[in-house]
PDB file of N, CA and C in Angstrom:
ATOM      1  N   MET A   1     121.965  87.684 128.286  1.00  0.00           N
ATOM      2  CA  MET A   1     122.501  88.265 127.077  1.00  0.00           C
ATOM      3  C   MET A   1     123.527  89.318 127.498  1.00  0.00           C
ATOM      4  N   GLY A   2     124.721  89.205 126.919  1.00  0.00           N
ATOM      5  CA  GLY A   2     125.778  90.154 127.236  1.00  0.00           C
ATOM      6  C   GLY A   2     125.602  91.452 126.457  1.00  0.00           C
ATOM      7  N   LEU A   3     126.359  92.454 126.840  1.00  0.00           N
ATOM      8  CA  LEU A   3     126.295  93.765 126.191  1.00  0.00           C
ATOM      9  C   LEU A   3     126.633  93.674 124.710  1.00  0.00           C
ATOM     10  N   GLY A   4     127.655  92.899 124.356  1.00  0.00           N
ATOM     11  CA  GLY A   4     128.053  92.746 122.947  1.00  0.00           C
ATOM     12  C   GLY A   4     126.946  92.130 122.116  1.00  0.00           C
ATOM     13  N   GLU A   5     126.317  91.084 122.668  1.00  0.00           N
ATOM     14  CA  GLU A   5     125.219  90.421 121.954  1.00  0.00           C
ATOM     15  C   GLU A   5     124.025  91.357 121.806  1.00  0.00           C
ATOM     16  N   TYR A   6     123.731  92.114 122.849  1.00  0.00           N
ATOM     17  CA  TYR A   6     122.637  93.085 122.815  1.00  0.00           C
ATOM     18  C   TYR A   6     122.914  94.148 121.755  1.00  0.00           C
ATOM     19  N   MET A   7     124.142  94.689 121.735  1.00  0.00           N
ATOM     20  CA  MET A   7     124.488  95.735 120.762  1.00  0.00           C
ATOM     21  C   MET A   7     124.432  95.195 119.335  1.00  0.00           C
ATOM     22  N   ALA A   8     124.876  93.965 119.132  1.00  0.00           N
ATOM     23  CA  ALA A   8     124.820  93.357 117.801  1.00  0.00           C
ATOM     24  C   ALA A   8     123.370  93.240 117.336  1.00  0.00           C
ATOM     25  N   LYS A   9     122.494  92.827 118.255  1.00  0.00           N
ATOM     26  CA  LYS A   9     121.066  92.716 117.920  1.00  0.00           C
ATOM     27  C   LYS A   9     120.479  94.080 117.565  1.00  0.00           C
ATOM     28  N   GLU A  10     120.843  95.102 118.312  1.00  0.00           N
ATOM     29  CA  GLU A  10     120.350  96.455 118.049  1.00  0.00           C
ATOM     30  C   GLU A  10     120.870  96.991 116.716  1.00  0.00           C
ATOM     31  N   ILE A  11     122.111  96.692 116.396  1.00  0.00           N
ATOM     32  CA  ILE A  11     122.676  97.128 115.113  1.00  0.00           C
ATOM     33  C   ILE A  11     121.935  96.454 113.959  1.00  0.00           C
ATOM     34  N   VAL A  12     121.693  95.155 114.069  1.00  0.00           N
ATOM     35  CA  VAL A  12     120.953  94.429 113.033  1.00  0.00           C
ATOM     36  C   VAL A  12     119.546  95.005 112.896  1.00  0.00           C
ATOM     37  N   ARG A  13     118.908  95.301 114.010  1.00  0.00           N
ATOM     38  CA  ARG A  13     117.554  95.881 113.986  1.00  0.00           C
ATOM     39  C   ARG A  13     117.576  97.251 113.300  1.00  0.00           C
ATOM     40  N   GLU A  14     118.566  98.080 113.606  1.00  0.00           N
ATOM     41  CA  GLU A  14     118.663  99.420 113.012  1.00  0.00           C
ATOM     42  C   GLU A  14     118.946  99.334 111.515  1.00  0.00           C
ATOM     43  N   ILE A  15     119.793  98.395 111.102  1.00  0.00           N
ATOM     44  CA  ILE A  15     120.044  98.196 109.669  1.00  0.00           C
ATOM     45  C   ILE A  15     118.755  97.798 108.978  1.00  0.00           C
ATOM     46  N   GLY A  16     117.976  96.917 109.605  1.00  0.00           N
ATOM     47  CA  GLY A  16     116.688  96.519 109.042  1.00  0.00           C
ATOM     48  C   GLY A  16     115.740  97.694 108.909  1.00  0.00           C
ATOM     49  N   ASN A  17     115.699  98.558 109.932  1.00  0.00           N
ATOM     50  CA  ASN A  17     114.834  99.738 109.881  1.00  0.00           C
ATOM     51  C   ASN A  17     115.264 100.669 108.752  1.00  0.00           C
ATOM     52  N   ARG A  18     116.555 100.914 108.625  1.00  0.00           N
ATOM     53  CA  ARG A  18     117.066 101.812 107.570  1.00  0.00           C
ATOM     54  C   ARG A  18     116.819 101.206 106.192  1.00  0.00           C
ATOM     55  N   SER A  19     116.997  99.903 106.075  1.00  0.00           N
ATOM     56  CA  SER A  19     116.754  99.225 104.813  1.00  0.00           C
ATOM     57  C   SER A  19     115.291  99.370 104.409  1.00  0.00           C
ATOM     58  N   ARG A  20     114.387  99.159 105.364  1.00  0.00           N
ATOM     59  CA  ARG A  20     112.953  99.286 105.085  1.00  0.00           C
ATOM     60  C   ARG A  20     112.607 100.714 104.691  1.00  0.00           C
ATOM     61  N   GLU A  21     113.167 101.712 105.401  1.00  0.00           N
ATOM     62  CA  GLU A  21     112.912 103.111 105.056  1.00  0.00           C
ATOM     63  C   GLU A  21     113.390 103.420 103.648  1.00  0.00           C
ATOM     64  N   PHE A  22     114.561 102.892 103.271  1.00  0.00           N
ATOM     65  CA  PHE A  22     115.096 103.106 101.930  1.00  0.00           C
ATOM     66  C   PHE A  22     114.146 102.532 100.882  1.00  0.00           C
ATOM     67  N   TYR A  23     113.706 101.287 101.100  1.00  0.00           N
ATOM     68  CA  TYR A  23     112.809 100.662 100.138  1.00  0.00           C
ATOM     69  C   TYR A  23     111.454 101.359 100.079  1.00  0.00           C
ATOM     70  N   GLU A  24     110.978 101.871 101.203  1.00  0.00           N
ATOM     71  CA  GLU A  24     109.712 102.607 101.182  1.00  0.00           C
ATOM     72  C   GLU A  24     109.857 103.893 100.381  1.00  0.00           C
ATOM     73  N   PHE A  25     111.069 104.469 100.364  1.00  0.00           N
ATOM     74  CA  PHE A  25     111.307 105.701  99.619  1.00  0.00           C
ATOM     75  C   PHE A  25     111.377 105.434  98.119  1.00  0.00           C
ATOM     76  N   ILE A  26     112.093 104.376  97.702  1.00  0.00           N
ATOM     77  CA  ILE A  26     112.268 104.131  96.277  1.00  0.00           C
ATOM     78  C   ILE A  26     111.215 103.197  95.699  1.00  0.00           C
ATOM     79  N   MET A  27     110.560 102.434  96.536  1.00  0.00           N
ATOM     80  CA  MET A  27     109.567 101.483  96.046  1.00  0.00           C
ATOM     81  C   MET A  27     108.249 102.187  95.817  1.00  0.00           C
ATOM     82  N   PRO A  28     107.388 101.701  95.040  1.00  0.00           N
ATOM     83  CA  PRO A  28     107.523 100.492  94.255  1.00  0.00           C
ATOM     84  C   PRO A  28     108.191 100.782  92.916  1.00  0.00           C
ATOM     85  N   ALA A  29     108.692  99.726  92.279  1.00  0.00           N
ATOM     86  CA  ALA A  29     109.247  99.869  90.935  1.00  0.00           C
ATOM     87  C   ALA A  29     108.098 100.162  89.982  1.00  0.00           C
ATOM     88  N   ILE A  30     108.286 101.143  89.096  1.00  0.00           N
ATOM     89  CA  ILE A  30     107.222 101.577  88.191  1.00  0.00           C
ATOM     90  C   ILE A  30     107.782 101.707  86.784  1.00  0.00           C
ATOM     91  N   ASP A  31     107.043 101.182  85.813  1.00  0.00           N
ATOM     92  CA  ASP A  31     107.358 101.369  84.394  1.00  0.00           C
ATOM     93  C   ASP A  31     106.165 102.029  83.738  1.00  0.00           C
ATOM     94  N   MET A  32     106.432 102.931  82.767  1.00  0.00           N
ATOM     95  CA  MET A  32     105.347 103.593  82.041  1.00  0.00           C
ATOM     96  C   MET A  32     105.652 103.528  80.548  1.00  0.00           C
ATOM     97  N   VAL A  33     104.599 103.260  79.771  1.00  0.00           N
ATOM     98  CA  VAL A  33     104.744 103.215  78.315  1.00  0.00           C
ATOM     99  C   VAL A  33     103.441 103.704  77.689  1.00  0.00           C
ATOM    100  N   GLU A  34     103.570 104.477  76.598  1.00  0.00           N
ATOM    101  CA  GLU A  34     102.403 104.932  75.847  1.00  0.00           C
ATOM    102  C   GLU A  34     102.096 103.907  74.777  1.00  0.00           C
ATOM    103  N   ILE A  35     100.854 103.430  74.764  1.00  0.00           N
ATOM    104  CA  ILE A  35     100.406 102.519  73.717  1.00  0.00           C
ATOM    105  C   ILE A  35      99.123 103.102  73.146  1.00  0.00           C
ATOM    106  N   GLY A  36      99.189 103.560  71.908  1.00  0.00           N
ATOM    107  CA  GLY A  36      98.029 104.180  71.280  1.00  0.00           C
ATOM    108  C   GLY A  36      97.601 105.406  72.051  1.00  0.00           C
ATOM    109  N   SER A  37      96.362 105.439  72.484  1.00  0.00           N
ATOM    110  CA  SER A  37      95.838 106.597  73.218  1.00  0.00           C
ATOM    111  C   SER A  37      95.806 106.345  74.727  1.00  0.00           C
ATOM    112  N   ASP A  38      96.581 105.362  75.193  1.00  0.00           N
ATOM    113  CA  ASP A  38      96.613 105.044  76.619  1.00  0.00           C
ATOM    114  C   ASP A  38      98.041 105.095  77.162  1.00  0.00           C
ATOM    115  N   LEU A  39      98.138 105.419  78.439  1.00  0.00           N
ATOM    116  CA  LEU A  39      99.382 105.287  79.176  1.00  0.00           C
ATOM    117  C   LEU A  39      99.243 104.031  80.022  1.00  0.00           C
ATOM    118  N   ILE A  40     100.186 103.106  79.878  1.00  0.00           N
ATOM    119  CA  ILE A  40     100.172 101.864  80.655  1.00  0.00           C
ATOM    120  C   ILE A  40     101.231 102.017  81.746  1.00  0.00           C
ATOM    121  N   VAL A  41     100.779 101.919  83.007  1.00  0.00           N
ATOM    122  CA  VAL A  41     101.669 102.044  84.159  1.00  0.00           C
ATOM    123  C   VAL A  41     101.705 100.695  84.854  1.00  0.00           C
ATOM    124  N   THR A  42     102.898 100.114  84.973  1.00  0.00           N
ATOM    125  CA  THR A  42     103.079  98.837  85.652  1.00  0.00           C
ATOM    126  C   THR A  42     103.740  99.119  86.996  1.00  0.00           C
ATOM    127  N   ILE A  43     103.089  98.686  88.075  1.00  0.00           N
ATOM    128  CA  ILE A  43     103.547  98.969  89.440  1.00  0.00           C
ATOM    129  C   ILE A  43     103.770  97.644  90.165  1.00  0.00           C
ATOM    130  N   ASP A  44     104.995  97.423  90.652  1.00  0.00           N
ATOM    131  CA  ASP A  44     105.309  96.210  91.396  1.00  0.00           C
ATOM    132  C   ASP A  44     104.987  96.420  92.872  1.00  0.00           C
ATOM    133  N   LEU A  45     104.041  95.637  93.391  1.00  0.00           N
ATOM    134  CA  LEU A  45     103.672  95.700  94.809  1.00  0.00           C
ATOM    135  C   LEU A  45     103.553  94.290  95.388  1.00  0.00           C
ATOM    136  N   PRO A  46     104.630  93.492  95.334  1.00  0.00           N
ATOM    137  CA  PRO A  46     104.534  92.135  95.864  1.00  0.00           C
ATOM    138  C   PRO A  46     104.296  92.131  97.366  1.00  0.00           C
ATOM    139  N   GLY A  47     103.469  91.205  97.796  1.00  0.00           N
ATOM    140  CA  GLY A  47     103.212  91.048  99.224  1.00  0.00           C
ATOM    141  C   GLY A  47     102.067  91.896  99.745  1.00  0.00           C
ATOM    142  N   PHE A  48     101.533  92.797  98.926  1.00  0.00           N
ATOM    143  CA  PHE A  48     100.395  93.612  99.345  1.00  0.00           C
ATOM    144  C   PHE A  48      99.119  92.973  98.810  1.00  0.00           C
ATOM    145  N   ALA A  49      98.073  92.941  99.622  1.00  0.00           N
ATOM    146  CA  ALA A  49      96.777  92.425  99.193  1.00  0.00           C
ATOM    147  C   ALA A  49      96.078  93.491  98.351  1.00  0.00           C
ATOM    148  N   LYS A  50      95.322  93.051  97.365  1.00  0.00           N
ATOM    149  CA  LYS A  50      94.623  93.971  96.454  1.00  0.00           C
ATOM    150  C   LYS A  50      93.768  94.975  97.219  1.00  0.00           C
ATOM    151  N   GLU A  51      93.093  94.515  98.271  1.00  0.00           N
ATOM    152  CA  GLU A  51      92.203  95.407  99.017  1.00  0.00           C
ATOM    153  C   GLU A  51      92.954  96.416  99.891  1.00  0.00           C
ATOM    154  N   ASP A  52      94.261  96.247 100.033  1.00  0.00           N
ATOM    155  CA  ASP A  52      95.063  97.174 100.837  1.00  0.00           C
ATOM    156  C   ASP A  52      95.808  98.195  99.982  1.00  0.00           C
ATOM    157  N   ILE A  53      95.471  98.273  98.690  1.00  0.00           N
ATOM    158  CA  ILE A  53      96.131  99.193  97.761  1.00  0.00           C
ATOM    159  C   ILE A  53      95.118 100.205  97.276  1.00  0.00           C
ATOM    160  N   ALA A  54      95.520 101.488  97.259  1.00  0.00           N
ATOM    161  CA  ALA A  54      94.664 102.557  96.740  1.00  0.00           C
ATOM    162  C   ALA A  54      95.458 103.376  95.727  1.00  0.00           C
ATOM    163  N   LEU A  55      94.858 103.606  94.567  1.00  0.00           N
ATOM    164  CA  LEU A  55      95.458 104.433  93.521  1.00  0.00           C
ATOM    165  C   LEU A  55      94.550 105.628  93.276  1.00  0.00           C
ATOM    166  N   ARG A  56      95.172 106.774  93.011  1.00  0.00           N
ATOM    167  CA  ARG A  56      94.391 107.977  92.724  1.00  0.00           C
ATOM    168  C   ARG A  56      95.191 108.846  91.759  1.00  0.00           C
ATOM    169  N   ILE A  57      94.497 109.419  90.776  1.00  0.00           N
ATOM    170  CA  ILE A  57      95.132 110.357  89.855  1.00  0.00           C
ATOM    171  C   ILE A  57      94.465 111.698  90.028  1.00  0.00           C
ATOM    172  N   ASP A  58      95.283 112.707  90.275  1.00  0.00           N
ATOM    173  CA  ASP A  58      94.807 114.078  90.410  1.00  0.00           C
ATOM    174  C   ASP A  58      95.690 114.935  89.508  1.00  0.00           C
ATOM    175  N   GLY A  59      95.101 115.431  88.413  1.00  0.00           N
ATOM    176  CA  GLY A  59      95.911 116.148  87.430  1.00  0.00           C
ATOM    177  C   GLY A  59      96.830 115.150  86.754  1.00  0.00           C
ATOM    178  N   ASN A  60      98.133 115.394  86.834  1.00  0.00           N
ATOM    179  CA  ASN A  60      99.070 114.419  86.279  1.00  0.00           C
ATOM    180  C   ASN A  60      99.898 113.745  87.394  1.00  0.00           C
ATOM    181  N   ILE A  61      99.337 113.702  88.611  1.00  0.00           N
ATOM    182  CA  ILE A  61      99.999 113.070  89.754  1.00  0.00           C
ATOM    183  C   ILE A  61      99.276 111.763  90.094  1.00  0.00           C
ATOM    184  N   LEU A  62     100.033 110.671  90.079  1.00  0.00           N
ATOM    185  CA  LEU A  62      99.518 109.371  90.489  1.00  0.00           C
ATOM    186  C   LEU A  62      99.941 109.129  91.935  1.00  0.00           C
ATOM    187  N   SER A  63      98.962 108.907  92.818  1.00  0.00           N
ATOM    188  CA  SER A  63      99.247 108.584  94.221  1.00  0.00           C
ATOM    189  C   SER A  63      99.055 107.088  94.418  1.00  0.00           C
ATOM    190  N   ILE A  64     100.059 106.466  95.029  1.00  0.00           N
ATOM    191  CA  ILE A  64     100.026 105.037  95.322  1.00  0.00           C
ATOM    192  C   ILE A  64     100.118 104.882  96.835  1.00  0.00           C
ATOM    193  N   ASN A  65      99.101 104.287  97.426  1.00  0.00           N
ATOM    194  CA  ASN A  65      99.087 104.040  98.867  1.00  0.00           C
ATOM    195  C   ASN A  65      98.805 102.564  99.099  1.00  0.00           C
ATOM    196  N   ALA A  66      99.626 101.946  99.934  1.00  0.00           N
ATOM    197  CA  ALA A  66      99.423 100.540 100.258  1.00  0.00           C
ATOM    198  C   ALA A  66      99.938 100.293 101.666  1.00  0.00           C
ATOM    199  N   LYS A  67      99.288  99.366 102.352  1.00  0.00           N
ATOM    200  CA  LYS A  67      99.727  99.003 103.695  1.00  0.00           C
ATOM    201  C   LYS A  67      99.502  97.516 103.882  1.00  0.00           C
ATOM    202  N   ARG A  68     100.555  96.820 104.273  1.00  0.00           N
ATOM    203  CA  ARG A  68     100.459  95.377 104.490  1.00  0.00           C
ATOM    204  C   ARG A  68     100.270  95.084 105.971  1.00  0.00           C
ATOM    205  N   GLN A  69      99.705  93.932 106.246  1.00  0.00           N
ATOM    206  CA  GLN A  69      99.549  93.474 107.619  1.00  0.00           C
ATOM    207  C   GLN A  69     100.914  93.038 108.136  1.00  0.00           C
ATOM    208  N   THR A  70     101.182  93.299 109.390  1.00  0.00           N
ATOM    209  CA  THR A  70     102.457  92.885 109.975  1.00  0.00           C
ATOM    210  C   THR A  70     102.276  91.562 110.704  1.00  0.00           C
ATOM    211  N   VAL A  71     103.388  90.898 110.942  1.00  0.00           N
ATOM    212  CA  VAL A  71     103.356  89.614 111.646  1.00  0.00           C
ATOM    213  C   VAL A  71     104.112  89.707 112.969  1.00  0.00           C
ATOM    214  N   ASP A  72     104.231  90.924 113.495  1.00  0.00           N
ATOM    215  CA  ASP A  72     104.977  91.148 114.739  1.00  0.00           C
ATOM    216  C   ASP A  72     104.516  90.266 115.882  1.00  0.00           C
ATOM    217  N   ASP A  73     103.229  90.069 115.996  1.00  0.00           N
ATOM    218  CA  ASP A  73     102.696  89.338 117.128  1.00  0.00           C
ATOM    219  C   ASP A  73     102.998  87.835 117.064  1.00  0.00           C
ATOM    220  N   LEU A  74     103.376  87.330 115.897  1.00  0.00           N
ATOM    221  CA  LEU A  74     103.621  85.908 115.740  1.00  0.00           C
ATOM    222  C   LEU A  74     105.026  85.500 116.158  1.00  0.00           C
ATOM    223  N   TYR A  75     105.946  86.457 116.191  1.00  0.00           N
ATOM    224  CA  TYR A  75     107.339  86.123 116.461  1.00  0.00           C
ATOM    225  C   TYR A  75     107.868  86.957 117.616  1.00  0.00           C
ATOM    226  N   THR A  76     108.781  86.384 118.373  1.00  0.00           N
ATOM    227  CA  THR A  76     109.427  87.122 119.454  1.00  0.00           C
ATOM    228  C   THR A  76     110.307  88.213 118.873  1.00  0.00           C
ATOM    229  N   THR A  77     111.119  87.853 117.877  1.00  0.00           N
ATOM    230  CA  THR A  77     111.983  88.815 117.209  1.00  0.00           C
ATOM    231  C   THR A  77     111.712  88.712 115.718  1.00  0.00           C
ATOM    232  N   TYR A  78     111.270  89.796 115.139  1.00  0.00           N
ATOM    233  CA  TYR A  78     110.958  89.827 113.712  1.00  0.00           C
ATOM    234  C   TYR A  78     111.679  91.014 113.105  1.00  0.00           C
ATOM    235  N   TYR A  79     112.588  90.765 112.176  1.00  0.00           N
ATOM    236  CA  TYR A  79     113.360  91.836 111.539  1.00  0.00           C
ATOM    237  C   TYR A  79     112.698  92.189 110.215  1.00  0.00           C
ATOM    238  N   LYS A  80     112.097  93.346 110.168  1.00  0.00           N
ATOM    239  CA  LYS A  80     111.378  93.784 108.985  1.00  0.00           C
ATOM    240  C   LYS A  80     112.360  94.266 107.934  1.00  0.00           C
ATOM    241  N   GLN A  81     112.240  93.754 106.734  1.00  0.00           N
ATOM    242  CA  GLN A  81     113.067  94.199 105.627  1.00  0.00           C
ATOM    243  C   GLN A  81     112.216  94.809 104.527  1.00  0.00           C
ATOM    244  N   ARG A  82     111.090  94.187 104.248  1.00  0.00           N
ATOM    245  CA  ARG A  82     110.235  94.687 103.180  1.00  0.00           C
ATOM    246  C   ARG A  82     109.380  95.833 103.701  1.00  0.00           C
ATOM    247  N   PRO A  83     109.010  96.742 102.818  1.00  0.00           N
ATOM    248  CA  PRO A  83     108.196  97.869 103.277  1.00  0.00           C
ATOM    249  C   PRO A  83     106.823  97.410 103.754  1.00  0.00           C
ATOM    250  N   ILE A  84     106.360  98.052 104.809  1.00  0.00           N
ATOM    251  CA  ILE A  84     105.042  97.773 105.363  1.00  0.00           C
ATOM    252  C   ILE A  84     104.037  98.756 104.771  1.00  0.00           C
ATOM    253  N   ARG A  85     104.497  99.942 104.479  1.00  0.00           N
ATOM    254  CA  ARG A  85     103.624 101.001 103.990  1.00  0.00           C
ATOM    255  C   ARG A  85     104.286 101.666 102.782  1.00  0.00           C
ATOM    256  N   ILE A  86     103.490 101.913 101.753  1.00  0.00           N
ATOM    257  CA  ILE A  86     103.936 102.655 100.574  1.00  0.00           C
ATOM    258  C   ILE A  86     103.048 103.883 100.472  1.00  0.00           C
ATOM    259  N   ASN A  87     103.652 105.031 100.340  1.00  0.00           N
ATOM    260  CA  ASN A  87     102.921 106.280 100.128  1.00  0.00           C
ATOM    261  C   ASN A  87     103.761 107.094  99.156  1.00  0.00           C
ATOM    262  N   LYS A  88     103.479 106.918  97.878  1.00  0.00           N
ATOM    263  CA  LYS A  88     104.329 107.512  96.852  1.00  0.00           C
ATOM    264  C   LYS A  88     103.500 108.293  95.854  1.00  0.00           C
ATOM    265  N   LYS A  89     104.041 109.402  95.415  1.00  0.00           N
ATOM    266  CA  LYS A  89     103.418 110.217  94.376  1.00  0.00           C
ATOM    267  C   LYS A  89     104.360 110.225  93.190  1.00  0.00           C
ATOM    268  N   VAL A  90     103.790 110.012  91.994  1.00  0.00           N
ATOM    269  CA  VAL A  90     104.572 109.932  90.772  1.00  0.00           C
ATOM    270  C   VAL A  90     103.994 110.918  89.769  1.00  0.00           C
ATOM    271  N   ILE A  91     104.856 111.706  89.156  1.00  0.00           N
ATOM    272  CA  ILE A  91     104.409 112.627  88.103  1.00  0.00           C
ATOM    273  C   ILE A  91     104.291 111.830  86.815  1.00  0.00           C
ATOM    274  N   LEU A  92     103.098 111.827  86.236  1.00  0.00           N
ATOM    275  CA  LEU A  92     102.880 111.124  84.977  1.00  0.00           C
ATOM    276  C   LEU A  92     103.382 111.986  83.823  1.00  0.00           C
ATOM    277  N   PRO A  93     103.933 111.385  82.783  1.00  0.00           N
ATOM    278  CA  PRO A  93     104.522 112.147  81.677  1.00  0.00           C
ATOM    279  C   PRO A  93     103.514 112.636  80.644  1.00  0.00           C
ATOM    280  N   ILE A  94     102.238 112.558  80.963  1.00  0.00           N
ATOM    281  CA  ILE A  94     101.200 112.924  79.993  1.00  0.00           C
ATOM    282  C   ILE A  94     100.104 113.719  80.697  1.00  0.00           C
ATOM    283  N   SER A  95      99.235 114.313  79.892  1.00  0.00           N
ATOM    284  CA  SER A  95      98.031 114.944  80.437  1.00  0.00           C
ATOM    285  C   SER A  95      96.924 113.905  80.445  1.00  0.00           C
ATOM    286  N   ILE A  96      96.154 113.907  81.516  1.00  0.00           N
ATOM    287  CA  ILE A  96      95.045 112.966  81.642  1.00  0.00           C
ATOM    288  C   ILE A  96      93.792 113.619  81.059  1.00  0.00           C
ATOM    289  N   SER A  97      92.983 112.813  80.422  1.00  0.00           N
ATOM    290  CA  SER A  97      91.750 113.311  79.834  1.00  0.00           C
ATOM    291  C   SER A  97      90.866 113.930  80.905  1.00  0.00           C
ATOM    292  N   ASP A  98      90.270 115.097  80.604  1.00  0.00           N
ATOM    293  CA  ASP A  98      89.382 115.768  81.554  1.00  0.00           C
ATOM    294  C   ASP A  98      87.965 115.221  81.506  1.00  0.00           C
ATOM    295  N   ASP A  99      87.660 114.377  80.540  1.00  0.00           N
ATOM    296  CA  ASP A  99      86.322 113.812  80.400  1.00  0.00           C
ATOM    297  C   ASP A  99      86.010 112.949  81.619  1.00  0.00           C
ATOM    298  N   GLU A 100      84.997 113.336  82.398  1.00  0.00           N
ATOM    299  CA  GLU A 100      84.661 112.614  83.634  1.00  0.00           C
ATOM    300  C   GLU A 100      84.207 111.184  83.366  1.00  0.00           C
ATOM    301  N   LYS A 101      83.764 110.904  82.127  1.00  0.00           N
ATOM    302  CA  LYS A 101      83.297 109.563  81.808  1.00  0.00           C
ATOM    303  C   LYS A 101      84.460 108.610  81.567  1.00  0.00           C
ATOM    304  N   ILE A 102      85.630 109.153  81.301  1.00  0.00           N
ATOM    305  CA  ILE A 102      86.790 108.313  81.042  1.00  0.00           C
ATOM    306  C   ILE A 102      87.555 108.114  82.341  1.00  0.00           C
ATOM    307  N   VAL A 103      87.652 106.865  82.751  1.00  0.00           N
ATOM    308  CA  VAL A 103      88.332 106.539  84.001  1.00  0.00           C
ATOM    309  C   VAL A 103      89.372 105.470  83.686  1.00  0.00           C
ATOM    310  N   GLY A 104      90.512 105.560  84.350  1.00  0.00           N
ATOM    311  CA  GLY A 104      91.532 104.530  84.175  1.00  0.00           C
ATOM    312  C   GLY A 104      91.058 103.215  84.765  1.00  0.00           C
ATOM    313  N   THR A 105      91.655 102.127  84.310  1.00  0.00           N
ATOM    314  CA  THR A 105      91.338 100.818  84.845  1.00  0.00           C
ATOM    315  C   THR A 105      92.624 100.187  85.371  1.00  0.00           C
ATOM    316  N   ALA A 106      92.487  99.388  86.409  1.00  0.00           N
ATOM    317  CA  ALA A 106      93.656  98.736  86.997  1.00  0.00           C
ATOM    318  C   ALA A 106      93.355  97.260  87.201  1.00  0.00           C
ATOM    319  N   LYS A 107      94.373  96.443  86.941  1.00  0.00           N
ATOM    320  CA  LYS A 107      94.270  95.006  87.148  1.00  0.00           C
ATOM    321  C   LYS A 107      95.422  94.595  88.061  1.00  0.00           C
ATOM    322  N   TYR A 108      95.118  93.772  89.067  1.00  0.00           N
ATOM    323  CA  TYR A 108      96.129  93.315  90.022  1.00  0.00           C
ATOM    324  C   TYR A 108      96.283  91.815  89.891  1.00  0.00           C
ATOM    325  N   GLU A 109      97.509  91.380  89.626  1.00  0.00           N
ATOM    326  CA  GLU A 109      97.756  89.954  89.502  1.00  0.00           C
ATOM    327  C   GLU A 109      99.195  89.647  89.898  1.00  0.00           C
ATOM    328  N   SER A 110      99.377  88.693  90.769  1.00  0.00           N
ATOM    329  CA  SER A 110     100.706  88.227  91.196  1.00  0.00           C
ATOM    330  C   SER A 110     101.608  89.358  91.671  1.00  0.00           C
ATOM    331  N   GLY A 111     101.054  90.302  92.430  1.00  0.00           N
ATOM    332  CA  GLY A 111     101.859  91.374  93.006  1.00  0.00           C
ATOM    333  C   GLY A 111     102.157  92.523  92.072  1.00  0.00           C
ATOM    334  N   VAL A 112     101.520  92.550  90.900  1.00  0.00           N
ATOM    335  CA  VAL A 112     101.763  93.606  89.920  1.00  0.00           C
ATOM    336  C   VAL A 112     100.438  94.249  89.528  1.00  0.00           C
ATOM    337  N   ILE A 113     100.419  95.586  89.553  1.00  0.00           N
ATOM    338  CA  ILE A 113      99.252  96.332  89.083  1.00  0.00           C
ATOM    339  C   ILE A 113      99.556  96.837  87.686  1.00  0.00           C
ATOM    340  N   ILE A 114      98.610  96.635  86.774  1.00  0.00           N
ATOM    341  CA  ILE A 114      98.718  97.224  85.448  1.00  0.00           C
ATOM    342  C   ILE A 114      97.586  98.231  85.337  1.00  0.00           C
ATOM    343  N   LEU A 115      97.978  99.508  85.298  1.00  0.00           N
ATOM    344  CA  LEU A 115      97.037 100.621  85.248  1.00  0.00           C
ATOM    345  C   LEU A 115      97.008 101.153  83.823  1.00  0.00           C
ATOM    346  N   ARG A 116      95.819 101.288  83.264  1.00  0.00           N
ATOM    347  CA  ARG A 116      95.641 101.818  81.910  1.00  0.00           C
ATOM    348  C   ARG A 116      94.882 103.133  82.038  1.00  0.00           C
ATOM    349  N   VAL A 117      95.522 104.222  81.592  1.00  0.00           N
ATOM    350  CA  VAL A 117      94.937 105.553  81.730  1.00  0.00           C
ATOM    351  C   VAL A 117      94.833 106.199  80.349  1.00  0.00           C
ATOM    352  N   PRO A 118      93.640 106.688  79.966  1.00  0.00           N
ATOM    353  CA  PRO A 118      93.511 107.363  78.669  1.00  0.00           C
ATOM    354  C   PRO A 118      94.265 108.695  78.669  1.00  0.00           C
ATOM    355  N   ILE A 119      94.907 108.966  77.563  1.00  0.00           N
ATOM    356  CA  ILE A 119      95.658 110.214  77.396  1.00  0.00           C
ATOM    357  C   ILE A 119      94.734 111.252  76.762  1.00  0.00           C
ATOM    358  N   ALA A 120      94.807 112.481  77.259  1.00  0.00           N
ATOM    359  CA  ALA A 120      93.995 113.560  76.685  1.00  0.00           C
ATOM    360  C   ALA A 120      94.375 113.746  75.222  1.00  0.00           C
ATOM    361  N   LYS A 121      93.373 113.989  74.407  1.00  0.00           N
ATOM    362  CA  LYS A 121      93.629 114.215  72.986  1.00  0.00           C
ATOM    363  C   LYS A 121      94.385 115.521  72.812  1.00  0.00           C
ATOM    364  N   SER A 122      95.322 115.480  71.923  1.00  0.00           N
ATOM    365  CA  SER A 122      96.045 116.706  71.596  1.00  0.00           C
ATOM    366  C   SER A 122      95.876 116.957  70.116  1.00  0.00           C
ATOM    367  N   SER A 123      96.098 118.164  69.725  1.00  0.00           N
ATOM    368  CA  SER A 123      95.978 118.480  68.307  1.00  0.00           C
ATOM    369  C   SER A 123      97.288 119.113  67.846  1.00  0.00           C
ATOM    370  N   ASN A 124      97.606 118.810  66.619  1.00  0.00           N
ATOM    371  CA  ASN A 124      98.820 119.365  66.054  1.00  0.00           C
ATOM    372  C   ASN A 124      98.640 120.853  65.782  1.00  0.00           C
ATOM    373  N   ILE A 125      99.712 121.578  65.907  1.00  0.00           N
ATOM    374  CA  ILE A 125      99.692 123.020  65.671  1.00  0.00           C
ATOM    375  C   ILE A 125     100.325 123.286  64.314  1.00  0.00           C
ATOM    376  N   THR A 126      99.589 123.921  63.459  1.00  0.00           N
ATOM    377  CA  THR A 126     100.110 124.244  62.130  1.00  0.00           C
ATOM    378  C   THR A 126     100.989 125.478  62.219  1.00  0.00           C
ATOM    379  N   ILE A 127     102.159 125.377  61.663  1.00  0.00           N
ATOM    380  CA  ILE A 127     103.076 126.521  61.654  1.00  0.00           C
ATOM    381  C   ILE A 127     102.929 127.204  60.300  1.00  0.00           C
ATOM    382  N   VAL A 128     102.652 128.498  60.341  1.00  0.00           N
ATOM    383  CA  VAL A 128     102.489 129.262  59.091  1.00  0.00           C
ATOM    384  C   VAL A 128     103.593 130.269  58.890  1.00  0.00           C
TER     385      VAL A 128
END
């Protein structure tokens, strides 16, 4: 392998690393919508196994942690593009119910998590 070919390979590898870092920073795609007394959070995590994903809510912060298995050992040269690890914190736009009996539920299907979280009850303030 000549120097030019080696440098081209290294440049492609570095672009792949930067691309993966970028996607790990902005991923996963998340949508949130209030429906009745619940906040519905849709999280795109394609390629991650359900057992490799952890969700946690602390206050109004949603933590998303996921780690996929790599296939490095199967290939001589493997250029990673998709994120291997997700570690993201998202500020939720609502207050979460403090009732310990109320827990959010999550469903994972086809690479998408649908998280349903109860919203804390609020009361209207009368202006006099």
